């Protein structure tokens, strides 16, 4: 694996760790402090800016890997269709080399694609958690208003309006929780898919070593 794809893999692992950190069941006060620090810290803002530039380069690598996969597929298709006594075909180590190039291109495509996809999931999860925190704060304010009978702003609202607002906020929180569960399932499927790709890569490496020993 080349240096830039190694960096992409390290970024993918970092995204997985960050996603696990986001979905940890932390207390409300601690989670609010953490997300307030992330959203207001200037160093984090600079890191996010450079990460956006990095993802642009990863997108270019993804497009290049897709192009390579397409070209290898065309090469294999052309070799399988043009068969005859006077037409050269791919045999032995040459076919193994083409299959290896196909696998490496697919690996790079999946690696860059998973990294970009997980970045979108992280961004959406971060925004949704901020909205959930905001809704929980508003819900606590309305519940406190309903229990004490005097809102923090000094203006008194009817009890029916407060109950309707609390019901709406609870429904909004439930919807956000369902969306977060969906994102968690997508991230888990992404992790399983990458594990299967890694297992396939190991089996291909073993097969290539065995074939090279047989050729010797």
N, C-alpha and C. Protein backbone atom coordinates (compact mmCIF):
# COMPACT_ATOMS: atom_id res chain seq x y z
N UNK A 1 0.84 -1.19 0.00
CA UNK A 1 0.00 0.00 0.00
C UNK A 1 0.89 1.25 0.00
N UNK A 2 0.59 2.16 -0.90
CA UNK A 2 1.39 3.38 -1.01
C UNK A 2 1.14 4.30 0.19
N UNK A 3 1.95 5.36 0.26
CA UNK A 3 1.90 6.23 1.44
C UNK A 3 0.55 6.92 1.56
N UNK A 4 0.03 7.46 0.44
CA UNK A 4 -1.21 8.22 0.56
C UNK A 4 -2.40 7.33 0.88
N UNK A 5 -2.39 6.08 0.38
CA UNK A 5 -3.47 5.16 0.75
C UNK A 5 -3.32 4.70 2.20
N UNK A 6 -2.08 4.63 2.69
CA UNK A 6 -1.88 4.34 4.11
C UNK A 6 -2.43 5.46 4.96
N UNK A 7 -2.23 6.71 4.54
CA UNK A 7 -2.80 7.84 5.26
C UNK A 7 -4.32 7.83 5.21
N UNK A 8 -4.88 7.43 4.06
CA UNK A 8 -6.34 7.32 3.96
C UNK A 8 -6.86 6.25 4.92
N UNK A 9 -6.13 5.13 5.02
CA UNK A 9 -6.54 4.08 5.94
C UNK A 9 -6.47 4.57 7.39
N UNK A 10 -5.43 5.33 7.73
CA UNK A 10 -5.32 5.87 9.09
C UNK A 10 -6.46 6.85 9.37
N UNK A 11 -6.84 7.64 8.37
CA UNK A 11 -7.97 8.55 8.53
C UNK A 11 -9.27 7.79 8.72
N UNK A 12 -9.42 6.67 8.02
CA UNK A 12 -10.61 5.84 8.18
C UNK A 12 -10.69 5.27 9.59
N UNK A 13 -9.57 4.80 10.12
CA UNK A 13 -9.55 4.29 11.49
C UNK A 13 -9.88 5.40 12.49
N UNK A 14 -9.33 6.61 12.24
CA UNK A 14 -9.63 7.74 13.12
C UNK A 14 -11.11 8.09 13.07
N UNK A 15 -11.71 8.02 11.88
CA UNK A 15 -13.15 8.29 11.77
C UNK A 15 -13.97 7.26 12.52
N UNK A 16 -13.56 6.00 12.47
CA UNK A 16 -14.27 4.97 13.24
C UNK A 16 -14.20 5.25 14.73
N UNK A 17 -13.00 5.61 15.21
CA UNK A 17 -12.85 5.94 16.62
C UNK A 17 -13.67 7.15 17.02
N UNK A 18 -13.69 8.17 16.16
CA UNK A 18 -14.48 9.37 16.45
C UNK A 18 -15.97 9.06 16.45
N UNK A 19 -16.40 8.19 15.56
CA UNK A 19 -17.82 7.83 15.53
C UNK A 19 -18.21 7.08 16.81
N UNK A 20 -17.35 6.19 17.27
CA UNK A 20 -17.63 5.50 18.53
C UNK A 20 -17.68 6.49 19.69
N UNK A 21 -16.82 7.52 19.64
CA UNK A 21 -16.83 8.53 20.69
C UNK A 21 -18.12 9.34 20.66
N UNK A 22 -18.64 9.60 19.47
CA UNK A 22 -19.87 10.38 19.37
C UNK A 22 -21.08 9.64 19.91
N UNK A 23 -21.11 8.32 19.73
CA UNK A 23 -22.30 7.56 20.13
C UNK A 23 -22.18 6.99 21.53
N UNK A 24 -21.12 7.35 22.26
CA UNK A 24 -21.01 6.88 23.65
C UNK A 24 -22.14 7.48 24.48
N UNK A 25 -22.75 6.68 25.37
CA UNK A 25 -23.85 7.20 26.21
C UNK A 25 -23.34 8.06 27.36
N UNK A 26 -22.86 9.24 27.07
CA UNK A 26 -22.35 10.15 28.08
C UNK A 26 -23.50 10.88 28.77
N UNK A 27 -23.28 11.36 29.99
CA UNK A 27 -24.30 12.20 30.64
C UNK A 27 -24.54 13.48 29.85
N UNK A 28 -25.72 14.05 30.08
CA UNK A 28 -26.11 15.22 29.29
C UNK A 28 -25.16 16.39 29.51
N UNK A 29 -24.77 16.65 30.76
CA UNK A 29 -23.89 17.79 31.04
C UNK A 29 -22.52 17.60 30.40
N UNK A 30 -21.97 16.39 30.51
CA UNK A 30 -20.66 16.13 29.92
C UNK A 30 -20.71 16.20 28.40
N UNK A 31 -21.77 15.65 27.83
CA UNK A 31 -21.89 15.70 26.37
C UNK A 31 -22.04 17.14 25.89
N UNK A 32 -22.78 17.96 26.63
CA UNK A 32 -22.93 19.35 26.24
C UNK A 32 -21.60 20.09 26.30
N UNK A 33 -20.78 19.80 27.32
CA UNK A 33 -19.47 20.45 27.41
C UNK A 33 -18.57 20.02 26.26
N UNK A 34 -18.60 18.72 25.94
CA UNK A 34 -17.75 18.21 24.86
C UNK A 34 -18.12 18.85 23.53
N UNK A 35 -19.40 18.90 23.22
CA UNK A 35 -19.82 19.44 21.93
C UNK A 35 -19.71 20.96 21.89
N UNK A 36 -19.84 21.60 23.03
CA UNK A 36 -19.58 23.04 23.06
C UNK A 36 -18.11 23.34 22.78
N UNK A 37 -17.23 22.52 23.34
CA UNK A 37 -15.80 22.68 23.08
C UNK A 37 -15.48 22.45 21.61
N UNK A 38 -16.07 21.41 21.03
CA UNK A 38 -15.80 21.10 19.63
C UNK A 38 -16.31 22.21 18.71
N UNK A 39 -17.48 22.74 19.00
CA UNK A 39 -18.09 23.73 18.11
C UNK A 39 -17.50 25.13 18.27
N UNK A 40 -16.85 25.42 19.41
CA UNK A 40 -16.35 26.76 19.66
C UNK A 40 -14.83 26.87 19.67
N UNK A 41 -14.12 25.76 19.71
CA UNK A 41 -12.66 25.82 19.77
C UNK A 41 -12.09 26.21 18.41
N UNK A 42 -11.21 27.21 18.33
CA UNK A 42 -10.66 27.62 17.02
C UNK A 42 -9.72 26.59 16.42
N UNK A 43 -9.02 25.84 17.27
CA UNK A 43 -8.12 24.81 16.74
C UNK A 43 -8.90 23.71 16.05
N UNK A 44 -10.02 23.31 16.66
CA UNK A 44 -10.88 22.30 16.03
C UNK A 44 -11.43 22.82 14.71
N UNK A 45 -11.75 24.09 14.65
CA UNK A 45 -12.25 24.67 13.40
C UNK A 45 -11.19 24.61 12.30
N UNK A 46 -9.93 24.89 12.66
CA UNK A 46 -8.86 24.79 11.67
C UNK A 46 -8.65 23.35 11.20
N UNK A 47 -8.73 22.41 12.16
CA UNK A 47 -8.60 20.99 11.79
C UNK A 47 -9.72 20.58 10.84
N UNK A 48 -10.94 21.02 11.11
CA UNK A 48 -12.05 20.72 10.21
C UNK A 48 -11.84 21.33 8.82
N UNK A 49 -11.25 22.51 8.77
CA UNK A 49 -10.99 23.14 7.48
C UNK A 49 -9.99 22.32 6.66
N UNK A 50 -8.90 21.89 7.30
CA UNK A 50 -7.91 21.09 6.57
C UNK A 50 -8.45 19.70 6.24
N UNK A 51 -9.33 19.18 7.06
CA UNK A 51 -9.93 17.89 6.74
C UNK A 51 -10.81 17.99 5.50
N UNK A 52 -11.50 19.11 5.34
CA UNK A 52 -12.31 19.29 4.13
C UNK A 52 -11.43 19.27 2.89
N UNK A 53 -10.27 19.92 2.97
CA UNK A 53 -9.33 19.89 1.83
C UNK A 53 -8.82 18.47 1.60
N UNK A 54 -8.55 17.75 2.69
CA UNK A 54 -8.08 16.37 2.57
C UNK A 54 -9.12 15.48 1.90
N UNK A 55 -10.38 15.69 2.24
CA UNK A 55 -11.44 14.89 1.63
C UNK A 55 -11.60 15.19 0.15
N UNK A 56 -11.24 16.38 -0.28
CA UNK A 56 -11.24 16.67 -1.71
C UNK A 56 -10.20 15.81 -2.44
N UNK A 57 -9.01 15.70 -1.85
CA UNK A 57 -7.98 14.83 -2.44
C UNK A 57 -8.41 13.36 -2.40
N UNK A 58 -9.07 12.96 -1.31
CA UNK A 58 -9.55 11.58 -1.23
C UNK A 58 -10.60 11.32 -2.31
N UNK A 59 -11.43 12.31 -2.58
CA UNK A 59 -12.41 12.17 -3.66
C UNK A 59 -11.71 11.99 -5.00
N UNK A 60 -10.62 12.72 -5.23
CA UNK A 60 -9.85 12.55 -6.48
C UNK A 60 -9.26 11.14 -6.55
N UNK A 61 -8.73 10.64 -5.43
CA UNK A 61 -8.21 9.27 -5.40
C UNK A 61 -9.32 8.25 -5.66
N UNK A 62 -10.50 8.52 -5.14
CA UNK A 62 -11.63 7.62 -5.36
C UNK A 62 -12.00 7.57 -6.84
N UNK A 63 -12.06 8.72 -7.48
CA UNK A 63 -12.38 8.75 -8.91
C UNK A 63 -11.30 8.04 -9.72
N UNK A 64 -10.04 8.23 -9.36
CA UNK A 64 -8.95 7.56 -10.06
C UNK A 64 -9.03 6.04 -9.88
N UNK A 65 -9.35 5.59 -8.66
CA UNK A 65 -9.45 4.14 -8.42
C UNK A 65 -10.63 3.53 -9.17
N UNK A 66 -11.72 4.27 -9.26
CA UNK A 66 -12.87 3.78 -10.05
C UNK A 66 -12.48 3.67 -11.52
N UNK A 67 -11.72 4.63 -12.02
CA UNK A 67 -11.26 4.58 -13.41
C UNK A 67 -10.34 3.38 -13.63
N UNK A 68 -9.47 3.12 -12.66
CA UNK A 68 -8.57 1.96 -12.80
C UNK A 68 -9.34 0.65 -12.79
N UNK A 69 -10.33 0.55 -11.91
CA UNK A 69 -11.16 -0.66 -11.88
C UNK A 69 -11.87 -0.86 -13.21
N UNK A 70 -12.38 0.21 -13.77
CA UNK A 70 -13.08 0.12 -15.05
C UNK A 70 -12.14 -0.33 -16.17
N UNK A 71 -10.92 0.20 -16.18
CA UNK A 71 -9.97 -0.18 -17.23
C UNK A 71 -9.54 -1.64 -17.10
N UNK A 72 -9.35 -2.10 -15.86
CA UNK A 72 -8.97 -3.50 -15.66
C UNK A 72 -10.12 -4.42 -16.07
N UNK A 73 -11.34 -4.01 -15.77
CA UNK A 73 -12.49 -4.81 -16.18
C UNK A 73 -12.58 -4.91 -17.70
N UNK A 74 -12.32 -3.80 -18.37
CA UNK A 74 -12.32 -3.84 -19.84
C UNK A 74 -11.20 -4.73 -20.36
N UNK A 75 -10.05 -4.70 -19.72
CA UNK A 75 -8.94 -5.55 -20.15
C UNK A 75 -9.25 -7.02 -19.98
N UNK A 76 -9.86 -7.37 -18.86
CA UNK A 76 -10.23 -8.77 -18.64
C UNK A 76 -11.33 -9.20 -19.60
N UNK A 77 -12.30 -8.31 -19.84
CA UNK A 77 -13.38 -8.66 -20.77
C UNK A 77 -12.86 -8.85 -22.18
N UNK A 78 -11.94 -7.98 -22.60
CA UNK A 78 -11.36 -8.11 -23.94
C UNK A 78 -10.55 -9.39 -24.06
N UNK A 79 -9.84 -9.75 -23.00
CA UNK A 79 -9.02 -10.97 -23.05
C UNK A 79 -9.87 -12.22 -23.08
N UNK A 80 -11.03 -12.18 -22.41
CA UNK A 80 -11.89 -13.36 -22.39
C UNK A 80 -12.71 -13.51 -23.67
N UNK A 81 -12.99 -12.40 -24.36
CA UNK A 81 -13.80 -12.46 -25.57
C UNK A 81 -12.96 -12.81 -26.80
N UNK A 82 -11.74 -12.29 -26.89
CA UNK A 82 -10.90 -12.53 -28.06
C UNK A 82 -10.08 -13.79 -27.84
N UNK A 83 -10.68 -14.93 -28.04
CA UNK A 83 -10.00 -16.22 -27.92
C UNK A 83 -9.92 -16.88 -29.28
N UNK A 84 -8.79 -17.45 -29.58
CA UNK A 84 -8.59 -18.12 -30.86
C UNK A 84 -7.17 -18.63 -30.98
N UNK A 85 -6.86 -19.40 -32.05
CA UNK A 85 -5.50 -19.96 -32.17
C UNK A 85 -4.44 -18.90 -32.42
N UNK A 86 -4.82 -17.80 -33.08
CA UNK A 86 -3.84 -16.77 -33.40
C UNK A 86 -3.95 -15.53 -32.52
N UNK A 87 -4.79 -15.61 -31.52
CA UNK A 87 -5.01 -14.46 -30.65
C UNK A 87 -4.36 -14.74 -29.31
N UNK A 88 -3.48 -13.87 -28.85
CA UNK A 88 -2.84 -14.11 -27.55
C UNK A 88 -3.83 -13.93 -26.41
N UNK A 89 -3.76 -14.80 -25.46
CA UNK A 89 -4.63 -14.75 -24.28
C UNK A 89 -3.78 -14.62 -23.03
N UNK A 90 -4.45 -14.32 -21.94
CA UNK A 90 -3.76 -14.15 -20.66
C UNK A 90 -3.75 -15.47 -19.92
N UNK A 91 -2.59 -15.96 -19.59
CA UNK A 91 -2.44 -17.22 -18.88
C UNK A 91 -1.44 -17.04 -17.75
N UNK A 92 -1.53 -17.94 -16.78
CA UNK A 92 -0.52 -18.04 -15.75
C UNK A 92 -0.29 -16.78 -14.97
N UNK A 93 0.99 -16.40 -14.85
CA UNK A 93 1.34 -15.26 -14.03
C UNK A 93 0.81 -13.95 -14.60
N UNK A 94 0.60 -13.90 -15.95
CA UNK A 94 0.05 -12.67 -16.52
C UNK A 94 -1.39 -12.44 -16.04
N UNK A 95 -2.18 -13.52 -16.05
CA UNK A 95 -3.56 -13.38 -15.56
C UNK A 95 -3.55 -13.08 -14.06
N UNK A 96 -2.63 -13.68 -13.33
CA UNK A 96 -2.53 -13.40 -11.90
C UNK A 96 -2.17 -11.93 -11.67
N UNK A 97 -1.32 -11.37 -12.52
CA UNK A 97 -0.96 -9.97 -12.39
C UNK A 97 -2.15 -9.06 -12.65
N UNK A 98 -2.95 -9.41 -13.66
CA UNK A 98 -4.14 -8.61 -13.95
C UNK A 98 -5.14 -8.70 -12.81
N UNK A 99 -5.32 -9.92 -12.27
CA UNK A 99 -6.24 -10.08 -11.14
C UNK A 99 -5.76 -9.30 -9.92
N UNK A 100 -4.42 -9.28 -9.73
CA UNK A 100 -3.88 -8.52 -8.60
C UNK A 100 -4.11 -7.02 -8.79
N UNK A 101 -3.91 -6.52 -10.01
CA UNK A 101 -4.18 -5.11 -10.26
C UNK A 101 -5.65 -4.78 -10.08
N UNK A 102 -6.52 -5.71 -10.47
CA UNK A 102 -7.95 -5.51 -10.28
C UNK A 102 -8.29 -5.44 -8.80
N UNK A 103 -7.70 -6.34 -8.02
CA UNK A 103 -8.00 -6.34 -6.59
C UNK A 103 -7.47 -5.09 -5.91
N UNK A 104 -6.24 -4.67 -6.25
CA UNK A 104 -5.68 -3.47 -5.64
C UNK A 104 -6.52 -2.23 -5.98
N UNK A 105 -6.99 -2.17 -7.23
CA UNK A 105 -7.84 -1.04 -7.61
C UNK A 105 -9.16 -1.06 -6.85
N UNK A 106 -9.74 -2.25 -6.71
CA UNK A 106 -10.99 -2.36 -5.95
C UNK A 106 -10.76 -2.02 -4.48
N UNK A 107 -9.62 -2.48 -3.94
CA UNK A 107 -9.32 -2.16 -2.54
C UNK A 107 -9.20 -0.66 -2.34
N UNK A 108 -8.50 0.02 -3.23
CA UNK A 108 -8.35 1.47 -3.13
C UNK A 108 -9.69 2.18 -3.30
N UNK A 109 -10.52 1.66 -4.20
CA UNK A 109 -11.84 2.26 -4.40
C UNK A 109 -12.69 2.12 -3.16
N UNK A 110 -12.72 0.91 -2.56
CA UNK A 110 -13.50 0.71 -1.34
C UNK A 110 -12.94 1.54 -0.19
N UNK A 111 -11.63 1.62 -0.10
CA UNK A 111 -11.00 2.37 1.00
C UNK A 111 -11.38 3.85 0.93
N UNK A 112 -11.22 4.43 -0.24
CA UNK A 112 -11.57 5.86 -0.39
C UNK A 112 -13.07 6.07 -0.27
N UNK A 113 -13.85 5.15 -0.85
CA UNK A 113 -15.31 5.29 -0.78
C UNK A 113 -15.82 5.19 0.64
N UNK A 114 -15.30 4.22 1.42
CA UNK A 114 -15.73 4.08 2.80
C UNK A 114 -15.33 5.30 3.62
N UNK A 115 -14.14 5.83 3.36
CA UNK A 115 -13.69 7.02 4.10
C UNK A 115 -14.59 8.21 3.82
N UNK A 116 -14.94 8.42 2.55
CA UNK A 116 -15.83 9.54 2.21
C UNK A 116 -17.23 9.33 2.79
N UNK A 117 -17.72 8.09 2.68
CA UNK A 117 -19.07 7.81 3.19
C UNK A 117 -19.14 7.98 4.70
N UNK A 118 -18.11 7.51 5.41
CA UNK A 118 -18.11 7.65 6.86
C UNK A 118 -17.96 9.11 7.28
N UNK A 119 -17.26 9.91 6.47
CA UNK A 119 -17.17 11.34 6.79
C UNK A 119 -18.54 12.00 6.71
N UNK A 120 -19.36 11.60 5.73
CA UNK A 120 -20.72 12.13 5.65
C UNK A 120 -21.55 11.69 6.84
N UNK A 121 -21.39 10.42 7.25
CA UNK A 121 -22.12 9.93 8.42
C UNK A 121 -21.71 10.69 9.67
N UNK A 122 -20.41 10.93 9.83
CA UNK A 122 -19.92 11.67 10.99
C UNK A 122 -20.48 13.09 11.02
N UNK A 123 -20.46 13.76 9.87
CA UNK A 123 -20.98 15.12 9.80
C UNK A 123 -22.46 15.16 10.15
N UNK A 124 -23.23 14.22 9.59
CA UNK A 124 -24.66 14.17 9.88
C UNK A 124 -24.92 13.82 11.34
N UNK A 125 -24.15 12.88 11.89
CA UNK A 125 -24.32 12.50 13.29
C UNK A 125 -24.00 13.67 14.22
N UNK A 126 -22.94 14.39 13.90
CA UNK A 126 -22.56 15.56 14.72
C UNK A 126 -23.67 16.61 14.72
N UNK A 127 -24.22 16.90 13.54
CA UNK A 127 -25.30 17.90 13.46
C UNK A 127 -26.53 17.43 14.21
N UNK A 128 -26.86 16.15 14.07
CA UNK A 128 -28.05 15.63 14.74
C UNK A 128 -27.89 15.63 16.25
N UNK A 129 -26.70 15.31 16.75
CA UNK A 129 -26.48 15.33 18.19
C UNK A 129 -26.59 16.75 18.73
N UNK A 130 -26.06 17.73 17.98
CA UNK A 130 -26.22 19.13 18.40
C UNK A 130 -27.69 19.53 18.46
N UNK A 131 -28.47 19.07 17.48
CA UNK A 131 -29.90 19.38 17.50
C UNK A 131 -30.61 18.70 18.66
N UNK A 132 -30.19 17.46 18.95
CA UNK A 132 -30.78 16.74 20.09
C UNK A 132 -30.47 17.46 21.40
N UNK A 133 -29.23 17.92 21.55
CA UNK A 133 -28.87 18.66 22.76
C UNK A 133 -29.68 19.95 22.88
N UNK A 134 -29.85 20.64 21.76
CA UNK A 134 -30.64 21.87 21.79
C UNK A 134 -32.08 21.58 22.16
N UNK A 135 -32.64 20.50 21.60
CA UNK A 135 -34.02 20.16 21.92
C UNK A 135 -34.17 19.71 23.37
N UNK A 136 -33.17 19.00 23.89
CA UNK A 136 -33.24 18.58 25.29
C UNK A 136 -33.18 19.80 26.22
N UNK A 137 -32.37 20.79 25.88
CA UNK A 137 -32.33 22.01 26.69
C UNK A 137 -33.68 22.74 26.67
N UNK A 138 -34.26 22.85 25.49
CA UNK A 138 -35.57 23.50 25.39
C UNK A 138 -36.64 22.71 26.14
N UNK A 139 -36.54 21.37 26.05
CA UNK A 139 -37.51 20.53 26.75
C UNK A 139 -37.40 20.70 28.26
N UNK A 140 -36.18 20.78 28.77
CA UNK A 140 -36.01 20.99 30.20
C UNK A 140 -36.51 22.37 30.62
N UNK A 141 -36.31 23.36 29.77
CA UNK A 141 -36.83 24.68 30.08
C UNK A 141 -38.35 24.69 30.15
N UNK A 142 -39.00 24.01 29.20
CA UNK A 142 -40.47 23.97 29.20
C UNK A 142 -41.00 23.15 30.36
N UNK A 143 -40.30 22.03 30.67
CA UNK A 143 -40.72 21.24 31.82
C UNK A 143 -40.57 22.02 33.11
N UNK A 144 -39.44 22.78 33.22
CA UNK A 144 -39.27 23.62 34.40
C UNK A 144 -40.32 24.71 34.48
N UNK A 145 -40.70 25.25 33.31
CA UNK A 145 -41.75 26.27 33.28
C UNK A 145 -43.09 25.70 33.69
N UNK A 146 -43.37 24.49 33.20
CA UNK A 146 -44.65 23.87 33.54
C UNK A 146 -44.74 23.49 35.00
N UNK A 147 -43.62 23.12 35.63
CA UNK A 147 -43.65 22.70 37.03
C UNK A 147 -43.69 23.88 37.98
N UNK A 148 -42.99 24.97 37.65
CA UNK A 148 -42.95 26.13 38.54
C UNK A 148 -44.06 27.12 38.26
N UNK A 149 -44.59 27.10 37.04
CA UNK A 149 -45.66 28.03 36.68
C UNK A 149 -45.17 29.37 36.21
N UNK A 150 -43.83 29.59 36.20
CA UNK A 150 -43.28 30.87 35.74
C UNK A 150 -42.10 30.60 34.84
N UNK A 151 -42.13 30.94 33.57
CA UNK A 151 -41.03 30.69 32.64
C UNK A 151 -39.84 31.56 32.96
N UNK A 152 -38.70 31.13 32.46
CA UNK A 152 -37.45 31.85 32.71
C UNK A 152 -37.45 33.22 32.06
N UNK A 153 -38.21 33.41 31.00
CA UNK A 153 -38.24 34.70 30.32
C UNK A 153 -39.13 35.71 31.02
N UNK A 154 -39.92 35.27 32.02
CA UNK A 154 -40.78 36.18 32.74
C UNK A 154 -42.18 36.27 32.17
N UNK A 155 -42.47 35.66 31.02
CA UNK A 155 -43.79 35.67 30.41
C UNK A 155 -44.46 34.33 30.66
N UNK A 156 -45.69 34.40 31.08
CA UNK A 156 -46.43 33.18 31.42
C UNK A 156 -47.17 32.67 30.20
N UNK A 157 -47.05 31.36 29.94
CA UNK A 157 -47.73 30.73 28.82
C UNK A 157 -48.84 29.82 29.33
N UNK A 158 -49.88 29.61 28.54
CA UNK A 158 -50.94 28.70 28.95
C UNK A 158 -50.42 27.27 29.10
N UNK A 159 -51.04 26.52 29.99
CA UNK A 159 -50.59 25.15 30.24
C UNK A 159 -50.77 24.27 29.01
N UNK A 160 -51.85 24.52 28.23
CA UNK A 160 -52.07 23.72 27.03
C UNK A 160 -50.97 23.93 26.00
N UNK A 161 -50.52 25.18 25.86
CA UNK A 161 -49.43 25.45 24.91
C UNK A 161 -48.13 24.79 25.36
N UNK A 162 -47.88 24.82 26.67
CA UNK A 162 -46.66 24.19 27.18
C UNK A 162 -46.70 22.69 26.96
N UNK A 163 -47.84 22.05 27.21
CA UNK A 163 -47.94 20.60 27.01
C UNK A 163 -47.79 20.26 25.53
N UNK A 164 -48.37 21.07 24.67
CA UNK A 164 -48.22 20.81 23.23
C UNK A 164 -46.78 20.97 22.78
N UNK A 165 -46.09 21.98 23.32
CA UNK A 165 -44.70 22.19 22.96
C UNK A 165 -43.83 21.06 23.47
N UNK A 166 -44.08 20.60 24.70
CA UNK A 166 -43.33 19.48 25.26
C UNK A 166 -43.57 18.21 24.44
N UNK A 167 -44.81 17.98 24.05
CA UNK A 167 -45.13 16.80 23.23
C UNK A 167 -44.40 16.86 21.88
N UNK A 168 -44.39 18.06 21.30
CA UNK A 168 -43.71 18.21 20.01
C UNK A 168 -42.21 17.98 20.14
N UNK A 169 -41.63 18.49 21.23
CA UNK A 169 -40.19 18.30 21.44
C UNK A 169 -39.85 16.84 21.70
N UNK A 170 -40.71 16.16 22.45
CA UNK A 170 -40.47 14.73 22.68
C UNK A 170 -40.55 13.94 21.38
N UNK A 171 -41.53 14.27 20.54
CA UNK A 171 -41.64 13.60 19.25
C UNK A 171 -40.41 13.88 18.38
N UNK A 172 -39.91 15.12 18.44
CA UNK A 172 -38.70 15.47 17.68
C UNK A 172 -37.49 14.71 18.19
N UNK A 173 -37.38 14.56 19.51
CA UNK A 173 -36.28 13.79 20.08
C UNK A 173 -36.35 12.32 19.68
N UNK A 174 -37.56 11.77 19.69
CA UNK A 174 -37.72 10.37 19.27
C UNK A 174 -37.31 10.18 17.82
N UNK A 175 -37.67 11.15 16.98
CA UNK A 175 -37.29 11.04 15.56
C UNK A 175 -35.78 11.14 15.38
N UNK A 176 -35.14 12.03 16.15
CA UNK A 176 -33.69 12.15 16.07
C UNK A 176 -33.01 10.88 16.57
N UNK A 177 -33.57 10.28 17.62
CA UNK A 177 -32.99 9.03 18.12
C UNK A 177 -33.10 7.92 17.09
N UNK A 178 -34.21 7.86 16.38
CA UNK A 178 -34.35 6.85 15.32
C UNK A 178 -33.35 7.08 14.20
N UNK A 179 -33.14 8.35 13.85
CA UNK A 179 -32.15 8.66 12.81
C UNK A 179 -30.74 8.28 13.25
N UNK A 180 -30.43 8.50 14.54
CA UNK A 180 -29.11 8.11 15.05
C UNK A 180 -28.94 6.60 15.02
N UNK A 181 -29.99 5.86 15.37
CA UNK A 181 -29.91 4.39 15.30
C UNK A 181 -29.67 3.93 13.87
N UNK A 182 -30.31 4.60 12.91
CA UNK A 182 -30.09 4.23 11.51
C UNK A 182 -28.65 4.49 11.09
N UNK A 183 -28.08 5.60 11.52
CA UNK A 183 -26.68 5.90 11.20
C UNK A 183 -25.75 4.90 11.86
N UNK A 184 -26.07 4.47 13.08
CA UNK A 184 -25.24 3.47 13.75
C UNK A 184 -25.24 2.16 12.96
N UNK A 185 -26.42 1.75 12.48
CA UNK A 185 -26.51 0.51 11.70
C UNK A 185 -25.72 0.64 10.39
N UNK A 186 -25.77 1.80 9.76
CA UNK A 186 -25.00 2.00 8.53
C UNK A 186 -23.50 1.93 8.80
N UNK A 187 -23.07 2.51 9.91
CA UNK A 187 -21.64 2.46 10.25
C UNK A 187 -21.21 1.03 10.57
N UNK A 188 -22.06 0.27 11.25
CA UNK A 188 -21.72 -1.11 11.54
C UNK A 188 -21.62 -1.94 10.26
N UNK A 189 -22.55 -1.71 9.32
CA UNK A 189 -22.46 -2.41 8.04
C UNK A 189 -21.21 -2.02 7.27
N UNK A 190 -20.83 -0.76 7.35
CA UNK A 190 -19.59 -0.30 6.71
C UNK A 190 -18.38 -0.99 7.30
N UNK A 191 -18.36 -1.14 8.62
CA UNK A 191 -17.24 -1.80 9.28
C UNK A 191 -17.17 -3.27 8.90
N UNK A 192 -18.32 -3.95 8.83
CA UNK A 192 -18.34 -5.36 8.44
C UNK A 192 -17.86 -5.53 7.00
N UNK A 193 -18.27 -4.62 6.12
CA UNK A 193 -17.86 -4.70 4.72
C UNK A 193 -16.35 -4.52 4.57
N UNK A 194 -15.78 -3.62 5.36
CA UNK A 194 -14.34 -3.41 5.29
C UNK A 194 -13.59 -4.62 5.86
N UNK A 195 -14.13 -5.25 6.91
CA UNK A 195 -13.51 -6.45 7.45
C UNK A 195 -13.52 -7.58 6.43
N UNK A 196 -14.64 -7.73 5.72
CA UNK A 196 -14.70 -8.77 4.69
C UNK A 196 -13.72 -8.48 3.56
N UNK A 197 -13.55 -7.21 3.22
CA UNK A 197 -12.58 -6.84 2.19
C UNK A 197 -11.16 -7.14 2.64
N UNK A 198 -10.87 -6.89 3.92
CA UNK A 198 -9.54 -7.20 4.45
C UNK A 198 -9.29 -8.71 4.44
N UNK A 199 -10.31 -9.51 4.78
CA UNK A 199 -10.16 -10.98 4.72
C UNK A 199 -9.93 -11.44 3.29
N UNK A 200 -10.64 -10.83 2.34
CA UNK A 200 -10.45 -11.17 0.94
C UNK A 200 -9.04 -10.82 0.48
N UNK A 201 -8.54 -9.69 0.96
CA UNK A 201 -7.19 -9.28 0.60
C UNK A 201 -6.15 -10.27 1.13
N UNK A 202 -6.33 -10.75 2.37
CA UNK A 202 -5.40 -11.74 2.93
C UNK A 202 -5.44 -13.04 2.16
N UNK A 203 -6.65 -13.48 1.80
CA UNK A 203 -6.75 -14.73 1.04
C UNK A 203 -6.13 -14.59 -0.34
N UNK A 204 -6.28 -13.41 -0.96
CA UNK A 204 -5.67 -13.19 -2.28
C UNK A 204 -4.15 -13.17 -2.18
N UNK A 205 -3.62 -12.56 -1.11
CA UNK A 205 -2.18 -12.55 -0.92
C UNK A 205 -1.64 -13.97 -0.75
N UNK A 206 -2.36 -14.79 0.04
CA UNK A 206 -1.92 -16.18 0.22
C UNK A 206 -1.98 -16.95 -1.10
N UNK A 207 -3.06 -16.71 -1.87
CA UNK A 207 -3.18 -17.41 -3.16
C UNK A 207 -2.08 -17.00 -4.12
N UNK A 208 -1.73 -15.72 -4.14
CA UNK A 208 -0.67 -15.25 -5.03
C UNK A 208 0.68 -15.84 -4.63
N UNK A 209 0.92 -15.95 -3.31
CA UNK A 209 2.17 -16.56 -2.86
C UNK A 209 2.25 -18.03 -3.25
N UNK A 210 1.11 -18.73 -3.10
CA UNK A 210 1.08 -20.14 -3.48
C UNK A 210 1.31 -20.31 -4.97
N UNK A 211 0.70 -19.44 -5.79
CA UNK A 211 0.88 -19.55 -7.25
C UNK A 211 2.33 -19.23 -7.64
N UNK A 212 2.92 -18.26 -6.97
CA UNK A 212 4.31 -17.94 -7.30
C UNK A 212 5.24 -19.10 -6.93
N UNK A 213 4.93 -19.78 -5.84
CA UNK A 213 5.76 -20.94 -5.48
C UNK A 213 5.59 -22.07 -6.48
N UNK A 214 4.34 -22.24 -6.99
CA UNK A 214 4.13 -23.28 -7.98
C UNK A 214 4.85 -22.97 -9.29
N UNK A 215 4.87 -21.67 -9.67
CA UNK A 215 5.57 -21.30 -10.90
C UNK A 215 7.07 -21.57 -10.79
N UNK A 216 7.62 -21.36 -9.58
CA UNK A 216 9.06 -21.65 -9.39
C UNK A 216 9.33 -23.14 -9.48
